[in-house]
Amino acid sequence: MTAPGEIQAPKWLRRSRATQQFVATVCSGGDLDAALATVGAVMGDLQVNGQRRLGANAFDATFEGNPDRAWSIFQILRENLANADVYVRPASERGKRLLICDMDMTIVAAETLDEVAIALGMGERIAAITARAMHGEIDFNAALRERIQMLAGQAEQVFHDVARQVRLNPGAEKLVAGASAAGVHTILISGGFAQVAEPVARQLGFDEVHCNRLELEAGQLTGRVHEPIINADLKCQILQQRAQALGLTLRDCCAIGDGANDLPMLTAAGLGIGYHAKPVLRAATSCHIDASDLDSALYFMGLESASAAPDAR
């Protein structure tokens, strides 16, 4: 749950003043019936045109109103729905056709470079730099180069070892499987490295993967990274380029991430979702996943096939 003052106004609030249909989607991490009752109380005398359950832990409520009223409903729901994630958007904005996801701490439950550092006995030193970069306190490129320089002379194999051990975040498999089943083009994008990102992308069935690449000599790290570095700006550029190449608008796109280097692509996409977002990202986004699993993004995207998404395990 997020306090009302922390909610960034969504893009749709600025697009129109007309009365229209809105959809409130609630994904509960607890008692769904209690969440339904709260939504009913908040809606009050609004014209509610229907509710439907979306699988075991989510539901939609469609109502009619103007954007200011919908924004007010959104804020009240966020304030009053304990242990649940909620998003409100115009019914006309349901359905996305491109999904782009950050990897570290979004699709996987680790900062994978930190895991490499732990395996090499450098965990605290490198994790401190990572944390500052993810909170937007230092330049991402400089932080990446500094950390990789510290690993010069180490064997590439440690990255492959981390790839075999890294855990997926809950709902990651269902998210990608459900999006693919709905015909959504899926992209994994990461400031991490190919030795980890490519196996993760293959495992989950992403259509594309974009990631950083280590410079190697005889199976060892030189301490340098190949250009260009996948940073915040390049993540956003890749989103824009791939959408254009696929004949899509940015409003057709959904981006999911957790850190400062995800902010430009989440801001550019029609729907930007912060997954357990760092403060700088949370403050700049209106849709968050904190209480439920990653596959809640399917419902926030308004995919009709979401409730029938394969139960991938």
Protein backbone atom coordinates (compact mmCIF):
# COMPACT_ATOMS: atom_id res chain seq x y z
CA MET A 1 0.00 0.00 0.00
CA THR A 2 1.23 3.51 -0.83
CA ALA A 3 0.29 6.70 1.01
CA PRO A 4 -1.73 9.15 -1.11
CA GLY A 5 0.97 11.78 -1.11
CA GLU A 6 3.35 9.37 -2.80
CA ILE A 7 1.16 8.78 -5.88
CA GLN A 8 2.29 10.40 -9.10
CA ALA A 9 -0.65 11.65 -11.18
CA PRO A 10 -1.17 9.24 -14.12
CA LYS A 11 -0.93 10.43 -17.71
CA TRP A 12 -4.60 9.91 -18.41
CA LEU A 13 -5.49 12.63 -15.90
CA ARG A 14 -4.06 15.23 -18.30
CA ARG A 15 -5.52 13.86 -21.55
CA SER A 16 -9.23 14.56 -21.24
CA ARG A 17 -11.85 16.13 -19.00
CA ALA A 18 -14.73 14.14 -20.48
CA THR A 19 -16.94 11.77 -18.55
CA GLN A 20 -16.00 8.25 -19.60
CA GLN A 21 -15.65 4.66 -18.49
CA PHE A 22 -12.84 3.84 -16.06
CA VAL A 23 -11.60 0.48 -14.78
CA ALA A 24 -10.29 -0.01 -11.26
CA THR A 25 -8.19 -3.18 -11.00
CA VAL A 26 -7.36 -4.58 -7.59
CA CYS A 27 -4.79 -7.35 -7.03
CA SER A 28 -4.93 -8.56 -3.47
CA GLY A 29 -2.18 -10.09 -1.42
CA GLY A 30 -4.75 -11.11 1.17
CA ASP A 31 -8.54 -11.21 1.56
CA LEU A 32 -10.12 -10.51 -1.84
CA ASP A 33 -13.66 -10.30 -0.42
CA ALA A 34 -12.56 -7.58 2.00
CA ALA A 35 -11.01 -5.69 -0.91
CA LEU A 36 -14.28 -6.01 -2.87
CA ALA A 37 -16.21 -4.57 0.05
CA THR A 38 -13.81 -1.63 0.32
CA VAL A 39 -14.16 -0.85 -3.38
CA GLY A 40 -17.95 -0.92 -3.09
CA ALA A 41 -17.86 1.51 -0.18
CA VAL A 42 -15.46 3.88 -1.96
CA MET A 43 -17.48 3.88 -5.20
CA GLY A 44 -20.53 5.07 -3.30
CA ASP A 45 -23.11 6.55 -5.67
CA LEU A 46 -20.95 6.23 -8.79
CA GLN A 47 -22.49 4.35 -11.68
CA VAL A 48 -20.74 0.98 -11.52
CA ASN A 49 -21.25 -0.91 -14.75
CA GLY A 50 -19.89 -4.22 -13.62
CA GLN A 51 -17.38 -6.17 -11.59
CA ARG A 52 -15.55 -9.32 -12.60
CA ARG A 53 -13.11 -11.59 -10.87
CA LEU A 54 -9.74 -12.07 -12.53
CA GLY A 55 -8.41 -15.37 -11.29
CA ALA A 56 -8.04 -16.09 -7.60
CA ASN A 57 -6.69 -12.81 -6.29
CA ALA A 58 -7.87 -9.95 -8.53
CA PHE A 59 -10.93 -8.18 -9.88
CA ASP A 60 -12.01 -5.30 -12.10
CA ALA A 61 -14.68 -2.73 -11.32
CA THR A 62 -15.87 -0.58 -14.24
CA PHE A 63 -17.41 2.78 -13.42
CA GLU A 64 -18.36 6.01 -15.14
CA GLY A 65 -17.04 9.43 -14.20
CA ASN A 66 -14.77 12.28 -15.15
CA PRO A 67 -10.97 12.04 -14.77
CA ASP A 68 -10.86 14.15 -11.61
CA ARG A 69 -13.37 11.85 -9.90
CA ALA A 70 -11.49 8.78 -11.12
CA TRP A 71 -8.23 10.23 -9.77
CA SER A 72 -9.90 10.80 -6.41
CA ILE A 73 -11.21 7.22 -6.39
CA PHE A 74 -7.69 5.99 -7.22
CA GLN A 75 -6.16 7.84 -4.28
CA ILE A 76 -8.83 6.72 -1.82
CA LEU A 77 -8.48 3.10 -2.90
CA ARG A 78 -4.71 3.25 -2.50
CA GLU A 79 -5.15 4.69 0.99
CA ASN A 80 -7.75 2.16 2.13
CA LEU A 81 -6.81 -1.11 0.48
CA ALA A 82 -4.39 -2.76 2.87
CA ASN A 83 -2.31 -5.59 1.43
CA ALA A 84 -3.43 -4.93 -2.15
CA ASP A 85 -2.19 -3.23 -5.32
CA VAL A 86 -4.57 -1.08 -7.33
CA TYR A 87 -4.59 0.83 -10.59
CA VAL A 88 -7.27 2.93 -12.25
CA ARG A 89 -7.25 3.85 -15.95
CA PRO A 90 -9.72 4.72 -18.73
CA ALA A 91 -11.38 1.68 -20.27
CA SER A 92 -10.12 2.92 -23.64
CA GLU A 93 -6.53 2.32 -22.48
CA ARG A 94 -6.96 -1.38 -21.71
CA GLY A 95 -4.71 -3.76 -23.60
CA LYS A 96 -0.99 -3.39 -24.28
CA ARG A 97 0.99 -4.93 -27.12
CA LEU A 98 4.60 -4.61 -25.96
CA LEU A 99 6.00 -5.50 -22.54
CA ILE A 100 9.55 -4.49 -21.57
CA CYS A 101 10.94 -5.65 -18.23
CA ASP A 102 14.04 -4.84 -16.23
CA MET A 103 15.82 -7.95 -14.92
CA ASP A 104 17.64 -7.40 -11.61
CA MET A 105 15.23 -7.09 -8.65
CA THR A 106 12.33 -7.12 -11.11
CA ILE A 107 12.25 -10.40 -13.01
CA VAL A 108 14.90 -11.98 -10.76
CA ALA A 109 15.18 -11.63 -6.99
CA ALA A 110 18.75 -10.33 -6.94
CA GLU A 111 21.18 -7.70 -8.11
CA THR A 112 23.13 -10.26 -10.10
CA LEU A 113 26.40 -8.33 -10.15
CA ASP A 114 26.20 -8.16 -6.36
CA GLU A 115 25.76 -11.94 -6.31
CA VAL A 116 28.91 -12.31 -8.40
CA ALA A 117 30.72 -10.04 -5.95
CA ILE A 118 29.52 -12.10 -2.97
CA ALA A 119 30.86 -15.27 -4.59
CA LEU A 120 34.23 -13.54 -4.97
CA GLY A 121 34.34 -12.13 -1.44
CA MET A 122 33.71 -8.52 -2.54
CA GLY A 123 30.03 -8.35 -1.66
CA GLU A 124 29.84 -5.36 0.65
CA ARG A 125 32.12 -3.13 -1.44
CA ILE A 126 30.26 -3.70 -4.69
CA ALA A 127 26.75 -3.80 -3.18
CA ALA A 128 27.27 -0.33 -1.70
CA ILE A 129 27.98 1.08 -5.17
CA THR A 130 25.02 -0.79 -6.67
CA ALA A 131 22.63 0.59 -4.07
CA ARG A 132 23.70 4.17 -4.72
CA ALA A 133 23.30 3.71 -8.49
CA MET A 134 19.83 2.13 -8.16
CA HIS A 135 18.69 5.00 -5.95
CA GLY A 136 19.92 7.50 -8.53
CA GLU A 137 22.62 8.92 -6.27
CA ILE A 138 25.53 8.32 -8.67
CA ASP A 139 25.98 7.99 -12.43
CA PHE A 140 25.03 4.51 -13.64
CA ASN A 141 27.78 4.20 -16.27
CA ALA A 142 30.50 5.26 -13.86
CA ALA A 143 29.19 2.90 -11.19
CA LEU A 144 29.10 -0.02 -13.61
CA ARG A 145 32.63 0.61 -14.87
CA GLU A 146 33.94 0.97 -11.31
CA ARG A 147 32.43 -2.34 -10.22
CA ILE A 148 33.63 -4.27 -13.27
CA GLN A 149 37.13 -2.81 -12.91
CA MET A 150 37.18 -4.26 -9.39
CA LEU A 151 36.57 -7.71 -10.96
CA ALA A 152 39.47 -7.55 -13.43
CA GLY A 153 41.26 -10.89 -13.71
CA GLN A 154 38.34 -12.93 -12.35
CA ALA A 155 36.97 -15.90 -14.28
CA GLU A 156 33.85 -15.45 -16.43
CA GLN A 157 32.58 -18.73 -14.96
CA VAL A 158 31.34 -16.99 -11.81
CA PHE A 159 28.65 -15.22 -13.88
CA HIS A 160 27.48 -18.57 -15.29
CA ASP A 161 27.35 -19.95 -11.75
CA VAL A 162 25.15 -17.05 -10.62
CA ALA A 163 22.86 -17.58 -13.64
CA ARG A 164 22.21 -21.16 -12.56
CA GLN A 165 21.39 -20.16 -9.00
CA VAL A 166 19.39 -16.95 -9.41
CA ARG A 167 15.73 -17.09 -8.32
CA LEU A 168 12.84 -15.64 -10.26
CA ASN A 169 10.51 -13.25 -8.48
CA PRO A 170 7.00 -14.62 -7.80
CA GLY A 171 4.77 -14.33 -10.84
CA ALA A 172 7.59 -13.81 -13.37
CA GLU A 173 6.81 -17.00 -15.27
CA LYS A 174 3.07 -16.32 -15.36
CA LEU A 175 3.69 -12.74 -16.44
CA VAL A 176 5.72 -13.64 -19.52
CA ALA A 177 3.61 -16.69 -20.39
CA GLY A 178 0.38 -14.70 -20.07
CA ALA A 179 1.69 -11.78 -22.11
CA SER A 180 2.92 -14.12 -24.84
CA ALA A 181 -0.41 -15.95 -24.89
CA ALA A 182 -2.12 -12.60 -25.46
CA GLY A 183 0.15 -11.83 -28.43
CA VAL A 184 2.23 -9.24 -26.58
CA HIS A 185 5.84 -8.76 -27.76
CA THR A 186 8.12 -9.27 -24.74
CA ILE A 187 11.55 -7.75 -24.11
CA LEU A 188 13.96 -8.34 -21.24
CA ILE A 189 16.30 -5.40 -20.79
CA SER A 190 19.10 -5.22 -18.25
CA GLY A 191 22.06 -3.26 -17.07
CA GLY A 192 23.37 -6.68 -16.09
CA PHE A 193 25.35 -9.02 -18.28
CA ALA A 194 24.66 -11.50 -21.07
CA GLN A 195 25.96 -14.49 -19.07
CA VAL A 196 22.92 -14.09 -16.79
CA ALA A 197 20.35 -12.17 -18.84
CA GLU A 198 20.37 -14.46 -21.87
CA PRO A 199 19.67 -17.68 -19.89
CA VAL A 200 16.91 -15.92 -17.93
CA ALA A 201 15.34 -14.67 -21.17
CA ARG A 202 15.47 -18.17 -22.70
CA GLN A 203 14.00 -19.77 -19.59
CA LEU A 204 11.01 -17.43 -19.55
CA GLY A 205 10.49 -17.16 -23.30
CA PHE A 206 11.11 -13.45 -23.84
CA ASP A 207 11.08 -12.49 -27.53
CA GLU A 208 14.17 -10.29 -27.14
CA VAL A 209 16.94 -9.57 -24.66
CA HIS A 210 19.13 -6.48 -24.46
CA CYS A 211 21.96 -6.40 -21.91
CA ASN A 212 25.55 -5.39 -21.24
CA ARG A 213 28.54 -7.42 -22.38
CA LEU A 214 31.80 -8.01 -20.56
CA GLU A 215 35.14 -7.69 -22.27
CA LEU A 216 36.93 -11.03 -21.91
CA GLU A 217 40.38 -12.44 -22.59
CA ALA A 218 40.95 -16.19 -22.28
CA GLY A 219 37.82 -16.58 -20.14
CA GLN A 220 38.77 -13.82 -17.72
CA LEU A 221 37.36 -10.34 -17.17
CA THR A 222 39.58 -7.52 -18.40
CA GLY A 223 37.79 -5.05 -16.12
CA ARG A 224 36.12 -3.32 -19.06
CA VAL A 225 32.62 -3.35 -20.56
CA HIS A 226 31.73 -3.23 -24.24
CA GLU A 227 29.96 -0.10 -25.44
CA PRO A 228 27.22 0.97 -25.56
CA ILE A 229 26.29 0.50 -21.93
CA ILE A 230 22.63 -0.33 -21.29
CA ASN A 231 21.80 2.58 -19.01
CA ALA A 232 18.62 4.54 -18.30
CA ASP A 233 18.70 6.50 -21.55
CA LEU A 234 19.45 3.48 -23.72
CA LYS A 235 16.68 1.47 -22.07
CA CYS A 236 14.25 4.19 -23.07
CA GLN A 237 15.69 4.43 -26.59
CA ILE A 238 15.33 0.68 -27.10
CA LEU A 239 11.70 0.84 -25.98
CA GLN A 240 11.02 3.65 -28.44
CA GLN A 241 12.89 1.97 -31.30
CA ARG A 242 11.28 -1.43 -30.84
CA ALA A 243 7.80 0.06 -30.54
CA GLN A 244 8.30 2.00 -33.77
CA ALA A 245 9.70 -1.05 -35.57
CA LEU A 246 6.66 -3.07 -34.51
CA GLY A 247 4.26 -0.36 -35.66
CA LEU A 248 3.17 0.47 -32.12
CA THR A 249 2.74 3.72 -30.23
CA LEU A 250 4.22 4.23 -26.79
CA ARG A 251 0.68 4.09 -25.39
CA ASP A 252 0.63 0.45 -26.55
CA CYS A 253 3.61 -0.33 -24.29
CA CYS A 254 4.05 -1.40 -20.68
CA ALA A 255 7.40 -1.11 -18.87
CA ILE A 256 8.23 -2.67 -15.49
CA GLY A 257 11.24 -1.89 -13.30
CA ASP A 258 12.45 -1.14 -9.80
CA GLY A 259 15.29 1.39 -9.91
CA ALA A 260 16.36 4.85 -11.02
CA ASN A 261 17.80 3.52 -14.27
CA ASP A 262 14.30 2.31 -15.24
CA LEU A 263 12.66 5.70 -14.79
CA PRO A 264 12.91 7.06 -18.38
CA MET A 265 11.42 3.93 -19.96
CA LEU A 266 8.63 3.73 -17.37
CA THR A 267 7.85 7.39 -17.96
CA ALA A 268 7.83 6.95 -21.76
CA ALA A 269 5.62 3.84 -21.81
CA GLY A 270 1.86 4.11 -21.83
CA LEU A 271 1.88 2.16 -18.56
CA GLY A 272 4.90 2.23 -16.26
CA ILE A 273 4.80 -0.19 -13.32
CA GLY A 274 7.16 0.10 -10.37
CA TYR A 275 7.88 -3.32 -8.84
CA HIS A 276 8.93 -2.84 -5.19
CA ALA A 277 10.22 0.45 -6.53
CA LYS A 278 13.10 2.44 -5.08
CA PRO A 279 11.96 5.84 -3.74
CA VAL A 280 13.02 7.86 -6.80
CA LEU A 281 11.02 5.56 -9.09
CA ARG A 282 8.05 5.27 -6.75
CA ALA A 283 7.72 9.04 -6.57
CA ALA A 284 7.54 9.31 -10.37
CA THR A 285 5.04 6.51 -11.11
CA SER A 286 1.39 5.87 -10.33
CA CYS A 287 1.15 2.09 -10.79
CA HIS A 288 3.01 -0.07 -8.27
CA ILE A 289 3.24 -3.76 -7.40
CA ASP A 290 4.12 -4.23 -3.74
CA ALA A 291 1.58 -6.58 -2.15
CA SER A 292 0.93 -9.04 -4.97
CA ASP A 293 3.03 -10.88 -7.57
CA LEU A 294 4.50 -9.80 -10.90
CA ASP A 295 1.68 -11.37 -12.89
CA SER A 296 -0.61 -8.65 -11.51
CA ALA A 297 0.87 -6.57 -14.33
CA LEU A 298 -1.24 -8.65 -16.75
CA TYR A 299 -4.39 -7.30 -15.11
CA PHE A 300 -3.09 -3.73 -14.95
CA MET A 301 -2.31 -4.03 -18.68
CA GLY A 302 -5.93 -4.99 -19.25
CA LEU A 303 -5.16 -8.22 -21.11
CA GLU A 304 -8.33 -10.18 -21.68
CA SER A 305 -6.44 -13.48 -21.55
CA ALA A 306 -4.76 -12.68 -18.24
CA SER A 307 -7.12 -14.68 -16.04
CA ALA A 308 -6.47 -17.70 -18.24
CA ALA A 309 -2.68 -17.30 -18.22
CA PRO A 310 -0.81 -20.58 -17.93
CA ASP A 311 0.12 -21.51 -14.37
CA ALA A 312 3.83 -21.74 -15.22
CA ARG A 313 6.05 -23.26 -12.55
